[in-house]
C-alpha atoms as a PDB file:
ATOM      1  CA  UNK A   1       7.717   5.532   4.234  1.00  0.00           C
ATOM      2  CA  UNK A   2       9.420   7.327   1.405  1.00  0.00           C
ATOM      3  CA  UNK A   3       9.672   8.513  -2.168  1.00  0.00           C
ATOM      4  CA  UNK A   4      12.849   7.813  -4.113  1.00  0.00           C
ATOM      5  CA  UNK A   5      13.942   8.021  -7.721  1.00  0.00           C
ATOM      6  CA  UNK A   6      15.759   5.222  -9.474  1.00  0.00           C
ATOM      7  CA  UNK A   7      17.265   4.986 -12.931  1.00  0.00           C
ATOM      8  CA  UNK A   8      15.765   1.636 -13.893  1.00  0.00           C
ATOM      9  CA  UNK A   9      13.498  -0.261 -16.251  1.00  0.00           C
ATOM     10  CA  UNK A  10      10.157  -0.266 -14.411  1.00  0.00           C
ATOM     11  CA  UNK A  11       9.288  -3.717 -15.817  1.00  0.00           C
ATOM     12  CA  UNK A  12      12.127  -5.312 -13.820  1.00  0.00           C
ATOM     13  CA  UNK A  13      11.233  -3.927 -10.385  1.00  0.00           C
ATOM     14  CA  UNK A  14      10.124  -6.284  -7.635  1.00  0.00           C
ATOM     15  CA  UNK A  15       7.345  -4.183  -6.125  1.00  0.00           C
ATOM     16  CA  UNK A  16       3.712  -4.836  -5.308  1.00  0.00           C
ATOM     17  CA  UNK A  17       2.594  -2.721  -8.277  1.00  0.00           C
ATOM     18  CA  UNK A  18       4.007  -0.781 -11.167  1.00  0.00           C
ATOM     19  CA  UNK A  19       2.076   2.006 -12.822  1.00  0.00           C
ATOM     20  CA  UNK A  20       1.427   2.005 -16.536  1.00  0.00           C
ATOM     21  CA  UNK A  21       1.293   5.385 -18.275  1.00  0.00           C
ATOM     22  CA  UNK A  22      -1.724   4.229 -20.261  1.00  0.00           C
ATOM     23  CA  UNK A  23      -4.017   5.647 -22.890  1.00  0.00           C
ATOM     24  CA  UNK A  24      -7.733   5.983 -22.171  1.00  0.00           C
ATOM     25  CA  UNK A  25      -8.561   2.884 -24.239  1.00  0.00           C
ATOM     26  CA  UNK A  26      -6.023   0.800 -22.250  1.00  0.00           C
ATOM     27  CA  UNK A  27      -4.478  -0.450 -25.474  1.00  0.00           C
ATOM     28  CA  UNK A  28      -0.831  -1.433 -25.803  1.00  0.00           C
ATOM     29  CA  UNK A  29       1.078   1.631 -26.916  1.00  0.00           C
ATOM     30  CA  UNK A  30       4.644   2.766 -27.254  1.00  0.00           C
ATOM     31  CA  UNK A  31       7.166   3.819 -24.653  1.00  0.00           C
ATOM     32  CA  UNK A  32       6.588   2.630 -21.086  1.00  0.00           C
ATOM     33  CA  UNK A  33       3.141   1.279 -21.936  1.00  0.00           C
ATOM     34  CA  UNK A  34       4.483  -0.894 -24.759  1.00  0.00           C
ATOM     35  CA  UNK A  35       7.343  -2.156 -22.599  1.00  0.00           C
ATOM     36  CA  UNK A  36       4.908  -3.121 -19.825  1.00  0.00           C
ATOM     37  CA  UNK A  37       2.625  -4.985 -22.245  1.00  0.00           C
ATOM     38  CA  UNK A  38       5.584  -6.879 -23.731  1.00  0.00           C
ATOM     39  CA  UNK A  39       7.012  -7.835 -20.341  1.00  0.00           C
ATOM     40  CA  UNK A  40       3.654  -8.753 -18.770  1.00  0.00           C
ATOM     41  CA  UNK A  41       2.466 -10.805 -21.736  1.00  0.00           C
ATOM     42  CA  UNK A  42       0.516  -8.931 -24.355  1.00  0.00           C
ATOM     43  CA  UNK A  43      -2.526 -11.205 -24.769  1.00  0.00           C
ATOM     44  CA  UNK A  44      -3.287 -11.715 -21.084  1.00  0.00           C
ATOM     45  CA  UNK A  45      -2.773  -8.066 -20.208  1.00  0.00           C
ATOM     46  CA  UNK A  46      -4.818  -6.802 -23.150  1.00  0.00           C
ATOM     47  CA  UNK A  47      -7.679  -9.159 -22.255  1.00  0.00           C
ATOM     48  CA  UNK A  48      -7.674  -7.831 -18.672  1.00  0.00           C
ATOM     49  CA  UNK A  49      -7.522  -4.222 -19.883  1.00  0.00           C
ATOM     50  CA  UNK A  50     -10.357  -4.731 -22.359  1.00  0.00           C
ATOM     51  CA  UNK A  51     -12.678  -5.501 -19.421  1.00  0.00           C
ATOM     52  CA  UNK A  52     -11.825  -2.145 -17.778  1.00  0.00           C
ATOM     53  CA  UNK A  53     -11.635   0.219 -20.761  1.00  0.00           C
ATOM     54  CA  UNK A  54     -12.230   2.984 -21.427  1.00  0.00           C
ATOM     55  CA  UNK A  55     -11.037   5.149 -18.551  1.00  0.00           C
ATOM     56  CA  UNK A  56     -10.926   8.915 -18.166  1.00  0.00           C
ATOM     57  CA  UNK A  57      -7.734  10.954 -18.053  1.00  0.00           C
ATOM     58  CA  UNK A  58      -6.543  10.971 -14.431  1.00  0.00           C
ATOM     59  CA  UNK A  59      -8.440   7.797 -13.524  1.00  0.00           C
ATOM     60  CA  UNK A  60      -6.665   4.603 -12.396  1.00  0.00           C
ATOM     61  CA  UNK A  61      -7.566   0.904 -12.655  1.00  0.00           C
ATOM     62  CA  UNK A  62      -5.717  -2.264 -11.646  1.00  0.00           C
ATOM     63  CA  UNK A  63      -4.895  -5.587 -13.315  1.00  0.00           C
ATOM     64  CA  UNK A  64      -2.686  -8.520 -12.372  1.00  0.00           C
ATOM     65  CA  UNK A  65       1.005  -8.203 -13.226  1.00  0.00           C
ATOM     66  CA  UNK A  66       1.005 -11.487 -15.164  1.00  0.00           C
ATOM     67  CA  UNK A  67       4.649 -12.191 -16.202  1.00  0.00           C
ATOM     68  CA  UNK A  68       6.109  -9.169 -14.393  1.00  0.00           C
ATOM     69  CA  UNK A  69       7.953  -9.322 -11.064  1.00  0.00           C
ATOM     70  CA  UNK A  70       5.263  -6.884  -9.823  1.00  0.00           C
ATOM     71  CA  UNK A  71       2.046  -8.493  -8.584  1.00  0.00           C
ATOM     72  CA  UNK A  72      -0.148  -5.782 -10.106  1.00  0.00           C
ATOM     73  CA  UNK A  73      -0.225  -3.107 -12.772  1.00  0.00           C
ATOM     74  CA  UNK A  74      -2.071   0.110 -12.057  1.00  0.00           C
ATOM     75  CA  UNK A  75      -3.059   1.783 -15.310  1.00  0.00           C
ATOM     76  CA  UNK A  76      -3.594   5.543 -15.382  1.00  0.00           C
ATOM     77  CA  UNK A  77      -4.227   7.777 -18.357  1.00  0.00           C
ATOM     78  CA  UNK A  78      -2.097  10.896 -18.229  1.00  0.00           C
ATOM     79  CA  UNK A  79      -2.918  14.181 -19.905  1.00  0.00           C
ATOM     80  CA  UNK A  80      -1.587  15.205 -23.293  1.00  0.00           C
ATOM     81  CA  UNK A  81       0.429  18.427 -22.937  1.00  0.00           C
ATOM     82  CA  UNK A  82      -1.348  21.304 -24.677  1.00  0.00           C
ATOM     83  CA  UNK A  83       0.717  24.185 -23.334  1.00  0.00           C
ATOM     84  CA  UNK A  84      -0.332  24.017 -19.682  1.00  0.00           C
ATOM     85  CA  UNK A  85      -3.572  25.992 -19.861  1.00  0.00           C
ATOM     86  CA  UNK A  86      -5.982  23.075 -20.215  1.00  0.00           C
ATOM     87  CA  UNK A  87      -5.891  21.543 -16.743  1.00  0.00           C
ATOM     88  CA  UNK A  88      -2.919  19.285 -17.468  1.00  0.00           C
ATOM     89  CA  UNK A  89      -1.333  19.775 -14.036  1.00  0.00           C
ATOM     90  CA  UNK A  90      -4.550  18.899 -12.194  1.00  0.00           C
ATOM     91  CA  UNK A  91      -5.072  15.822 -14.388  1.00  0.00           C
ATOM     92  CA  UNK A  92      -1.464  14.671 -13.967  1.00  0.00           C
ATOM     93  CA  UNK A  93      -1.700  15.079 -10.200  1.00  0.00           C
ATOM     94  CA  UNK A  94      -4.913  13.006 -10.280  1.00  0.00           C
ATOM     95  CA  UNK A  95      -2.995  10.187 -12.034  1.00  0.00           C
ATOM     96  CA  UNK A  96      -0.573   9.925  -9.123  1.00  0.00           C
ATOM     97  CA  UNK A  97      -3.151  10.381  -6.351  1.00  0.00           C
ATOM     98  CA  UNK A  98      -5.688   7.961  -7.848  1.00  0.00           C
ATOM     99  CA  UNK A  99      -2.984   5.343  -8.437  1.00  0.00           C
ATOM    100  CA  UNK A 100      -1.796   5.692  -4.834  1.00  0.00           C
ATOM    101  CA  UNK A 101      -5.371   5.446  -3.520  1.00  0.00           C
ATOM    102  CA  UNK A 102      -5.865   2.253  -5.524  1.00  0.00           C
ATOM    103  CA  UNK A 103      -2.648   0.830  -4.075  1.00  0.00           C
ATOM    104  CA  UNK A 104      -3.872   1.542  -0.535  1.00  0.00           C
ATOM    105  CA  UNK A 105      -7.296   0.015  -1.314  1.00  0.00           C
ATOM    106  CA  UNK A 106      -5.511  -3.200  -2.337  1.00  0.00           C
ATOM    107  CA  UNK A 107      -3.192  -3.195   0.728  1.00  0.00           C
ATOM    108  CA  UNK A 108      -0.090  -2.707  -1.395  1.00  0.00           C
ATOM    109  CA  UNK A 109       3.062  -1.457   0.299  1.00  0.00           C
ATOM    110  CA  UNK A 110       5.430  -0.793  -2.617  1.00  0.00           C
ATOM    111  CA  UNK A 111       4.669   0.946  -5.894  1.00  0.00           C
ATOM    112  CA  UNK A 112       6.756   2.218  -8.797  1.00  0.00           C
ATOM    113  CA  UNK A 113       5.743   4.969 -11.209  1.00  0.00           C
ATOM    114  CA  UNK A 114       7.170   6.037 -14.540  1.00  0.00           C
ATOM    115  CA  UNK A 115       7.246   9.763 -15.239  1.00  0.00           C
ATOM    116  CA  UNK A 116       3.643   9.913 -16.487  1.00  0.00           C
ATOM    117  CA  UNK A 117       2.890  11.972 -19.632  1.00  0.00           C
ATOM    118  CA  UNK A 118       6.527  12.993 -20.161  1.00  0.00           C
ATOM    119  CA  UNK A 119       7.074  10.807 -23.225  1.00  0.00           C
ATOM    120  CA  UNK A 120       4.880  10.891 -26.318  1.00  0.00           C
ATOM    121  CA  UNK A 121       2.255  12.959 -24.450  1.00  0.00           C
ATOM    122  CA  UNK A 122       4.783  15.815 -24.369  1.00  0.00           C
ATOM    123  CA  UNK A 123       4.569  17.002 -20.744  1.00  0.00           C
ATOM    124  CA  UNK A 124       7.815  18.916 -20.047  1.00  0.00           C
ATOM    125  CA  UNK A 125      10.012  16.677 -17.896  1.00  0.00           C
ATOM    126  CA  UNK A 126      10.882  19.185 -15.181  1.00  0.00           C
ATOM    127  CA  UNK A 127       7.234  20.176 -14.741  1.00  0.00           C
ATOM    128  CA  UNK A 128       6.190  16.495 -14.754  1.00  0.00           C
ATOM    129  CA  UNK A 129       8.764  15.660 -12.083  1.00  0.00           C
ATOM    130  CA  UNK A 130       7.578  18.577  -9.976  1.00  0.00           C
ATOM    131  CA  UNK A 131       3.943  17.391 -10.162  1.00  0.00           C
ATOM    132  CA  UNK A 132       4.934  13.801  -9.362  1.00  0.00           C
ATOM    133  CA  UNK A 133       7.134  14.863  -6.443  1.00  0.00           C
ATOM    134  CA  UNK A 134       4.490  17.087  -4.852  1.00  0.00           C
ATOM    135  CA  UNK A 135       1.532  14.751  -5.433  1.00  0.00           C
ATOM    136  CA  UNK A 136       3.318  11.702  -4.048  1.00  0.00           C
ATOM    137  CA  UNK A 137       4.810  13.535  -1.077  1.00  0.00           C
ATOM    138  CA  UNK A 138       1.439  15.093  -0.234  1.00  0.00           C
ATOM    139  CA  UNK A 139      -0.135  11.638  -0.281  1.00  0.00           C
ATOM    140  CA  UNK A 140       2.639  10.154   1.861  1.00  0.00           C
ATOM    141  CA  UNK A 141       1.944  12.618   4.678  1.00  0.00           C
ATOM    142  CA  UNK A 142      -1.074  10.474   5.607  1.00  0.00           C
ATOM    143  CA  UNK A 143      -0.245   7.020   4.187  1.00  0.00           C
ATOM    144  CA  UNK A 144       2.633   4.583   4.550  1.00  0.00           C
ATOM    145  CA  UNK A 145       3.932   3.376   1.195  1.00  0.00           C
ATOM    146  CA  UNK A 146       7.341   2.918  -0.396  1.00  0.00           C
ATOM    147  CA  UNK A 147       7.160   4.774  -3.690  1.00  0.00           C
ATOM    148  CA  UNK A 148       9.733   4.687  -6.469  1.00  0.00           C
ATOM    149  CA  UNK A 149       9.839   6.913  -9.496  1.00  0.00           C
ATOM    150  CA  UNK A 150      11.553   4.744 -12.124  1.00  0.00           C
ATOM    151  CA  UNK A 151      13.104   6.608 -15.049  1.00  0.00           C
ATOM    152  CA  UNK A 152      15.523   5.698 -17.813  1.00  0.00           C
ATOM    153  CA  UNK A 153      16.958   9.162 -18.421  1.00  0.00           C
ATOM    154  CA  UNK A 154      19.681  10.136 -15.902  1.00  0.00           C
ATOM    155  CA  UNK A 155      18.738  13.805 -16.460  1.00  0.00           C
ATOM    156  CA  UNK A 156      15.423  13.081 -14.712  1.00  0.00           C
ATOM    157  CA  UNK A 157      17.277  11.790 -11.644  1.00  0.00           C
ATOM    158  CA  UNK A 158      19.247  15.042 -11.457  1.00  0.00           C
ATOM    159  CA  UNK A 159      16.076  17.138 -11.885  1.00  0.00           C
ATOM    160  CA  UNK A 160      14.281  15.140  -9.174  1.00  0.00           C
ATOM    161  CA  UNK A 161      17.176  15.573  -6.751  1.00  0.00           C
ATOM    162  CA  UNK A 162      17.228  19.316  -7.457  1.00  0.00           C
ATOM    163  CA  UNK A 163      13.499  19.575  -6.640  1.00  0.00           C
ATOM    164  CA  UNK A 164      13.916  17.431  -3.508  1.00  0.00           C
ATOM    165  CA  UNK A 165      16.793  19.623  -2.256  1.00  0.00           C
ATOM    166  CA  UNK A 166      14.894  22.818  -2.986  1.00  0.00           C
ATOM    167  CA  UNK A 167      11.809  21.450  -1.201  1.00  0.00           C
ATOM    168  CA  UNK A 168      13.874  20.343   1.794  1.00  0.00           C
ATOM    169  CA  UNK A 169      15.541  23.748   2.079  1.00  0.00           C
ATOM    170  CA  UNK A 170      12.186  25.539   1.834  1.00  0.00           C
ATOM    171  CA  UNK A 171      10.709  23.494   4.686  1.00  0.00           C
ATOM    172  CA  UNK A 172      13.578  24.238   7.108  1.00  0.00           C
END
């Protein structure tokens, strides 16, 4: 199976699960998290999240998708960027890997991620794309899933394609 990037609103994708770039309290927030809560139905989603909160940074949990086209929402708490010397890369990688493991545990075949931690948590976009690309591709060497990275900014698509080309050239 494969990893692809798509310029799209993650809340509109017809996949088995979308990933919410959550906070550790699993409360409705801004950005992608707020959009997911609005599209899924705030009250139902918050009630489901309240039963699972709090979570640790890098951990992932799953709820129904409620009003979304996706059957499930996997919530993962990304790291807040503090300059890169506080384990942010390891924690961000854990977000992707733990979300993918949860998808496999629930027999899901298609999953869509936002670019975790790259919004209000301040993770530099190019570095965040690099972590996402490597973590997901590493996972896909042993598992069969269709994975989409859904972003709104076209610059992120260009950065992803640059990393993918560079990675492809390095492996040949």
